[in-house]
Amino acid sequence: MRTQNEIWEALGEIDDEEAVHVLTKLFAMYEHLATQEGETKEINRFFHQLDKAIELTRECNLNRR
């Protein structure tokens, strides 16, 4: 497994289209885990943080306009 720094670098190297695929795949992986294992703390934390990131990004985009 890569380190957090290596993952951060890999994220910086992908283009916008690939980023959408990565985010979609990550969502699907956690959704599958929730189906298989139920709603664990880890899974709930992931979806909570994802929702928070979406809201923060939307707020930043609104402030730019």
PDB file of N, CA and C in Angstrom:
ATOM      1  N   MET A   1       0.844  -1.180   0.000  1.00  0.00           N
ATOM      2  CA  MET A   1       0.000   0.000   0.000  1.00  0.00           C
ATOM      3  C   MET A   1       0.891   1.246   0.000  1.00  0.00           C
ATOM      4  N   ARG A   2       0.451   2.240  -0.716  1.00  0.00           N
ATOM      5  CA  ARG A   2       1.187   3.503  -0.776  1.00  0.00           C
ATOM      6  C   ARG A   2       1.014   4.293   0.521  1.00  0.00           C
ATOM      7  N   THR A   3       1.962   5.165   0.773  1.00  0.00           N
ATOM      8  CA  THR A   3       1.848   6.070   1.917  1.00  0.00           C
ATOM      9  C   THR A   3       0.864   7.184   1.569  1.00  0.00           C
ATOM     10  N   GLN A   4       0.464   7.935   2.570  1.00  0.00           N
ATOM     11  CA  GLN A   4      -0.439   9.063   2.321  1.00  0.00           C
ATOM     12  C   GLN A   4       0.202  10.064   1.373  1.00  0.00           C
ATOM     13  N   ASN A   5       1.493  10.310   1.530  1.00  0.00           N
ATOM     14  CA  ASN A   5       2.181  11.250   0.637  1.00  0.00           C
ATOM     15  C   ASN A   5       2.200  10.748  -0.801  1.00  0.00           C
ATOM     16  N   GLU A   6       2.418   9.455  -0.987  1.00  0.00           N
ATOM     17  CA  GLU A   6       2.424   8.880  -2.334  1.00  0.00           C
ATOM     18  C   GLU A   6       1.037   8.967  -2.968  1.00  0.00           C
ATOM     19  N   ILE A   7       0.016   8.735  -2.164  1.00  0.00           N
ATOM     20  CA  ILE A   7      -1.359   8.847  -2.671  1.00  0.00           C
ATOM     21  C   ILE A   7      -1.657  10.296  -3.040  1.00  0.00           C
ATOM     22  N   TRP A   8      -1.215  11.233  -2.221  1.00  0.00           N
ATOM     23  CA  TRP A   8      -1.419  12.656  -2.507  1.00  0.00           C
ATOM     24  C   TRP A   8      -0.752  13.026  -3.824  1.00  0.00           C
ATOM     25  N   GLU A   9       0.475  12.545  -4.037  1.00  0.00           N
ATOM     26  CA  GLU A   9       1.185  12.805  -5.290  1.00  0.00           C
ATOM     27  C   GLU A   9       0.442  12.194  -6.477  1.00  0.00           C
ATOM     28  N   ALA A  10      -0.059  10.972  -6.308  1.00  0.00           N
ATOM     29  CA  ALA A  10      -0.799  10.306  -7.383  1.00  0.00           C
ATOM     30  C   ALA A  10      -2.057  11.097  -7.735  1.00  0.00           C
ATOM     31  N   LEU A  11      -2.745  11.616  -6.724  1.00  0.00           N
ATOM     32  CA  LEU A  11      -3.931  12.441  -6.981  1.00  0.00           C
ATOM     33  C   LEU A  11      -3.575  13.686  -7.782  1.00  0.00           C
ATOM     34  N   GLY A  12      -2.441  14.267  -7.470  1.00  0.00           N
ATOM     35  CA  GLY A  12      -2.006  15.460  -8.184  1.00  0.00           C
ATOM     36  C   GLY A  12      -1.648  15.204  -9.631  1.00  0.00           C
ATOM     37  N   GLU A  13      -1.365  13.956  -9.962  1.00  0.00           N
ATOM     38  CA  GLU A  13      -0.944  13.604 -11.318  1.00  0.00           C
ATOM     39  C   GLU A  13      -2.095  13.216 -12.240  1.00  0.00           C
ATOM     40  N   ILE A  14      -3.298  13.026 -11.695  1.00  0.00           N
ATOM     41  CA  ILE A  14      -4.407  12.606 -12.550  1.00  0.00           C
ATOM     42  C   ILE A  14      -5.165  13.824 -13.073  1.00  0.00           C
ATOM     43  N   ASP A  15      -5.784  13.645 -14.236  1.00  0.00           N
ATOM     44  CA  ASP A  15      -6.547  14.758 -14.809  1.00  0.00           C
ATOM     45  C   ASP A  15      -7.968  14.774 -14.236  1.00  0.00           C
ATOM     46  N   ASP A  16      -8.731  15.793 -14.602  1.00  0.00           N
ATOM     47  CA  ASP A  16     -10.077  15.975 -14.044  1.00  0.00           C
ATOM     48  C   ASP A  16     -10.997  14.798 -14.327  1.00  0.00           C
ATOM     49  N   GLU A  17     -10.929  14.263 -15.533  1.00  0.00           N
ATOM     50  CA  GLU A  17     -11.795  13.137 -15.886  1.00  0.00           C
ATOM     51  C   GLU A  17     -11.464  11.914 -15.032  1.00  0.00           C
ATOM     52  N   GLU A  18     -10.177  11.653 -14.839  1.00  0.00           N
ATOM     53  CA  GLU A  18      -9.774  10.529 -13.998  1.00  0.00           C
ATOM     54  C   GLU A  18     -10.191  10.759 -12.547  1.00  0.00           C
ATOM     55  N   ALA A  19     -10.142  12.007 -12.098  1.00  0.00           N
ATOM     56  CA  ALA A  19     -10.524  12.326 -10.721  1.00  0.00           C
ATOM     57  C   ALA A  19     -11.987  11.968 -10.468  1.00  0.00           C
ATOM     58  N   VAL A  20     -12.830  12.228 -11.446  1.00  0.00           N
ATOM     59  CA  VAL A  20     -14.245  11.868 -11.322  1.00  0.00           C
ATOM     60  C   VAL A  20     -14.383  10.356 -11.193  1.00  0.00           C
ATOM     61  N   HIS A  21     -13.617   9.614 -11.973  1.00  0.00           N
ATOM     62  CA  HIS A  21     -13.670   8.149 -11.908  1.00  0.00           C
ATOM     63  C   HIS A  21     -13.160   7.637 -10.558  1.00  0.00           C
ATOM     64  N   VAL A  22     -12.101   8.252 -10.042  1.00  0.00           N
ATOM     65  CA  VAL A  22     -11.562   7.851  -8.742  1.00  0.00           C
ATOM     66  C   VAL A  22     -12.604   8.087  -7.653  1.00  0.00           C
ATOM     67  N   LEU A  23     -13.217   9.249  -7.650  1.00  0.00           N
ATOM     68  CA  LEU A  23     -14.223   9.573  -6.642  1.00  0.00           C
ATOM     69  C   LEU A  23     -15.430   8.643  -6.743  1.00  0.00           C
ATOM     70  N   THR A  24     -15.865   8.369  -7.961  1.00  0.00           N
ATOM     71  CA  THR A  24     -16.998   7.468  -8.171  1.00  0.00           C
ATOM     72  C   THR A  24     -16.668   6.063  -7.701  1.00  0.00           C
ATOM     73  N   LYS A  25     -15.463   5.596  -8.010  1.00  0.00           N
ATOM     74  CA  LYS A  25     -15.033   4.259  -7.597  1.00  0.00           C
ATOM     75  C   LYS A  25     -14.936   4.175  -6.078  1.00  0.00           C
ATOM     76  N   LEU A  26     -14.378   5.195  -5.449  1.00  0.00           N
ATOM     77  CA  LEU A  26     -14.261   5.216  -3.994  1.00  0.00           C
ATOM     78  C   LEU A  26     -15.640   5.174  -3.340  1.00  0.00           C
ATOM     79  N   PHE A  27     -16.575   5.966  -3.863  1.00  0.00           N
ATOM     80  CA  PHE A  27     -17.944   5.961  -3.350  1.00  0.00           C
ATOM     81  C   PHE A  27     -18.545   4.560  -3.479  1.00  0.00           C
ATOM     82  N   ALA A  28     -18.389   3.951  -4.654  1.00  0.00           N
ATOM     83  CA  ALA A  28     -18.953   2.622  -4.899  1.00  0.00           C
ATOM     84  C   ALA A  28     -18.333   1.570  -3.979  1.00  0.00           C
ATOM     85  N   MET A  29     -17.041   1.691  -3.717  1.00  0.00           N
ATOM     86  CA  MET A  29     -16.375   0.732  -2.829  1.00  0.00           C
ATOM     87  C   MET A  29     -16.945   0.816  -1.413  1.00  0.00           C
ATOM     88  N   TYR A  30     -17.141   2.030  -0.915  1.00  0.00           N
ATOM     89  CA  TYR A  30     -17.702   2.186   0.431  1.00  0.00           C
ATOM     90  C   TYR A  30     -19.183   1.821   0.465  1.00  0.00           C
ATOM     91  N   GLU A  31     -19.885   2.094  -0.605  1.00  0.00           N
ATOM     92  CA  GLU A  31     -21.290   1.694  -0.692  1.00  0.00           C
ATOM     93  C   GLU A  31     -21.403   0.169  -0.638  1.00  0.00           C
ATOM     94  N   HIS A  32     -20.507  -0.508  -1.341  1.00  0.00           N
ATOM     95  CA  HIS A  32     -20.479  -1.975  -1.331  1.00  0.00           C
ATOM     96  C   HIS A  32     -20.156  -2.491   0.077  1.00  0.00           C
ATOM     97  N   LEU A  33     -19.169  -1.872   0.730  1.00  0.00           N
ATOM     98  CA  LEU A  33     -18.841  -2.266   2.103  1.00  0.00           C
ATOM     99  C   LEU A  33     -20.046  -2.109   3.019  1.00  0.00           C
ATOM    100  N   ALA A  34     -20.786  -1.024   2.864  1.00  0.00           N
ATOM    101  CA  ALA A  34     -21.971  -0.794   3.695  1.00  0.00           C
ATOM    102  C   ALA A  34     -23.008  -1.879   3.462  1.00  0.00           C
ATOM    103  N   THR A  35     -23.132  -2.323   2.217  1.00  0.00           N
ATOM    104  CA  THR A  35     -24.072  -3.395   1.892  1.00  0.00           C
ATOM    105  C   THR A  35     -23.632  -4.712   2.520  1.00  0.00           C
ATOM    106  N   GLN A  36     -22.335  -4.972   2.473  1.00  0.00           N
ATOM    107  CA  GLN A  36     -21.799  -6.232   2.975  1.00  0.00           C
ATOM    108  C   GLN A  36     -21.682  -6.265   4.502  1.00  0.00           C
ATOM    109  N   GLU A  37     -21.240  -5.165   5.097  1.00  0.00           N
ATOM    110  CA  GLU A  37     -20.907  -5.150   6.522  1.00  0.00           C
ATOM    111  C   GLU A  37     -21.884  -4.356   7.376  1.00  0.00           C
ATOM    112  N   GLY A  38     -22.808  -3.661   6.758  1.00  0.00           N
ATOM    113  CA  GLY A  38     -23.669  -2.762   7.506  1.00  0.00           C
ATOM    114  C   GLY A  38     -22.963  -1.433   7.705  1.00  0.00           C
ATOM    115  N   GLU A  39     -23.620  -0.522   8.349  1.00  0.00           N
ATOM    116  CA  GLU A  39     -23.073   0.823   8.523  1.00  0.00           C
ATOM    117  C   GLU A  39     -22.142   0.859   9.731  1.00  0.00           C
ATOM    118  N   THR A  40     -20.855   0.644   9.481  1.00  0.00           N
ATOM    119  CA  THR A  40     -19.854   0.701  10.539  1.00  0.00           C
ATOM    120  C   THR A  40     -19.440   2.149  10.781  1.00  0.00           C
ATOM    121  N   LYS A  41     -18.695   2.385  11.858  1.00  0.00           N
ATOM    122  CA  LYS A  41     -18.204   3.737  12.143  1.00  0.00           C
ATOM    123  C   LYS A  41     -17.331   4.240  11.004  1.00  0.00           C
ATOM    124  N   GLU A  42     -16.485   3.357  10.471  1.00  0.00           N
ATOM    125  CA  GLU A  42     -15.594   3.748   9.372  1.00  0.00           C
ATOM    126  C   GLU A  42     -16.391   4.186   8.150  1.00  0.00           C
ATOM    127  N   ILE A  43     -17.396   3.413   7.801  1.00  0.00           N
ATOM    128  CA  ILE A  43     -18.213   3.722   6.626  1.00  0.00           C
ATOM    129  C   ILE A  43     -19.004   5.008   6.849  1.00  0.00           C
ATOM    130  N   ASN A  44     -19.604   5.146   8.013  1.00  0.00           N
ATOM    131  CA  ASN A  44     -20.340   6.382   8.314  1.00  0.00           C
ATOM    132  C   ASN A  44     -19.422   7.592   8.304  1.00  0.00           C
ATOM    133  N   ARG A  45     -18.206   7.436   8.830  1.00  0.00           N
ATOM    134  CA  ARG A  45     -17.245   8.544   8.847  1.00  0.00           C
ATOM    135  C   ARG A  45     -16.869   8.936   7.422  1.00  0.00           C
ATOM    136  N   PHE A  46     -16.650   7.942   6.560  1.00  0.00           N
ATOM    137  CA  PHE A  46     -16.315   8.242   5.165  1.00  0.00           C
ATOM    138  C   PHE A  46     -17.413   9.072   4.513  1.00  0.00           C
ATOM    139  N   PHE A  47     -18.662   8.624   4.615  1.00  0.00           N
ATOM    140  CA  PHE A  47     -19.758   9.342   3.965  1.00  0.00           C
ATOM    141  C   PHE A  47     -19.984  10.717   4.598  1.00  0.00           C
ATOM    142  N   HIS A  48     -19.787  10.828   5.895  1.00  0.00           N
ATOM    143  CA  HIS A  48     -19.906  12.133   6.559  1.00  0.00           C
ATOM    144  C   HIS A  48     -18.833  13.087   6.037  1.00  0.00           C
ATOM    145  N   GLN A  49     -17.589  12.609   5.954  1.00  0.00           N
ATOM    146  CA  GLN A  49     -16.496  13.453   5.478  1.00  0.00           C
ATOM    147  C   GLN A  49     -16.677  13.814   4.004  1.00  0.00           C
ATOM    148  N   LEU A  50     -17.166  12.878   3.215  1.00  0.00           N
ATOM    149  CA  LEU A  50     -17.420  13.150   1.803  1.00  0.00           C
ATOM    150  C   LEU A  50     -18.488  14.227   1.658  1.00  0.00           C
ATOM    151  N   ASP A  51     -19.555  14.112   2.424  1.00  0.00           N
ATOM    152  CA  ASP A  51     -20.616  15.121   2.386  1.00  0.00           C
ATOM    153  C   ASP A  51     -20.076  16.483   2.803  1.00  0.00           C
ATOM    154  N   LYS A  52     -19.250  16.496   3.831  1.00  0.00           N
ATOM    155  CA  LYS A  52     -18.639  17.739   4.302  1.00  0.00           C
ATOM    156  C   LYS A  52     -17.747  18.352   3.219  1.00  0.00           C
ATOM    157  N   ALA A  53     -16.962  17.521   2.538  1.00  0.00           N
ATOM    158  CA  ALA A  53     -16.085  18.009   1.467  1.00  0.00           C
ATOM    159  C   ALA A  53     -16.898  18.589   0.316  1.00  0.00           C
ATOM    160  N   ILE A  54     -18.009  17.951  -0.016  1.00  0.00           N
ATOM    161  CA  ILE A  54     -18.881  18.453  -1.083  1.00  0.00           C
ATOM    162  C   ILE A  54     -19.430  19.828  -0.698  1.00  0.00           C
ATOM    163  N   GLU A  55     -19.918  19.947   0.522  1.00  0.00           N
ATOM    164  CA  GLU A  55     -20.486  21.223   0.973  1.00  0.00           C
ATOM    165  C   GLU A  55     -19.435  22.327   1.006  1.00  0.00           C
ATOM    166  N   LEU A  56     -18.235  22.026   1.506  1.00  0.00           N
ATOM    167  CA  LEU A  56     -17.170  23.028   1.551  1.00  0.00           C
ATOM    168  C   LEU A  56     -16.768  23.473   0.153  1.00  0.00           C
ATOM    169  N   THR A  57     -16.720  22.533  -0.772  1.00  0.00           N
ATOM    170  CA  THR A  57     -16.370  22.860  -2.155  1.00  0.00           C
ATOM    171  C   THR A  57     -17.441  23.742  -2.777  1.00  0.00           C
ATOM    172  N   ARG A  58     -18.697  23.414  -2.537  1.00  0.00           N
ATOM    173  CA  ARG A  58     -19.792  24.240  -3.064  1.00  0.00           C
ATOM    174  C   ARG A  58     -19.741  25.647  -2.501  1.00  0.00           C
ATOM    175  N   GLU A  59     -19.474  25.761  -1.208  1.00  0.00           N
ATOM    176  CA  GLU A  59     -19.381  27.081  -0.582  1.00  0.00           C
ATOM    177  C   GLU A  59     -18.247  27.894  -1.200  1.00  0.00           C
ATOM    178  N   CYS A  60     -17.102  27.257  -1.412  1.00  0.00           N
ATOM    179  CA  CYS A  60     -15.962  27.955  -2.027  1.00  0.00           C
ATOM    180  C   CYS A  60     -16.306  28.410  -3.435  1.00  0.00           C
ATOM    181  N   ASN A  61     -16.979  27.545  -4.187  1.00  0.00           N
ATOM    182  CA  ASN A  61     -17.355  27.898  -5.556  1.00  0.00           C
ATOM    183  C   ASN A  61     -18.353  29.049  -5.579  1.00  0.00           C
ATOM    184  N   LEU A  62     -19.281  29.074  -4.625  1.00  0.00           N
ATOM    185  CA  LEU A  62     -20.244  30.178  -4.552  1.00  0.00           C
ATOM    186  C   LEU A  62     -19.550  31.481  -4.194  1.00  0.00           C
ATOM    187  N   ASN A  63     -18.572  31.416  -3.315  1.00  0.00           N
ATOM    188  CA  ASN A  63     -17.848  32.622  -2.905  1.00  0.00           C
ATOM    189  C   ASN A  63     -16.991  33.186  -4.029  1.00  0.00           C
ATOM    190  N   ARG A  64     -16.596  32.360  -4.969  1.00  0.00           N
ATOM    191  CA  ARG A  64     -15.791  32.822  -6.106  1.00  0.00           C
ATOM    192  C   ARG A  64     -16.626  33.605  -7.107  1.00  0.00           C
ATOM    193  N   ARG A  65     -17.918  33.347  -7.131  1.00  0.00           N
ATOM    194  CA  ARG A  65     -18.795  33.977  -8.129  1.00  0.00           C
ATOM    195  C   ARG A  65     -19.131  35.359  -7.778  1.00  0.00           C
TER     196      ARG A  65
END
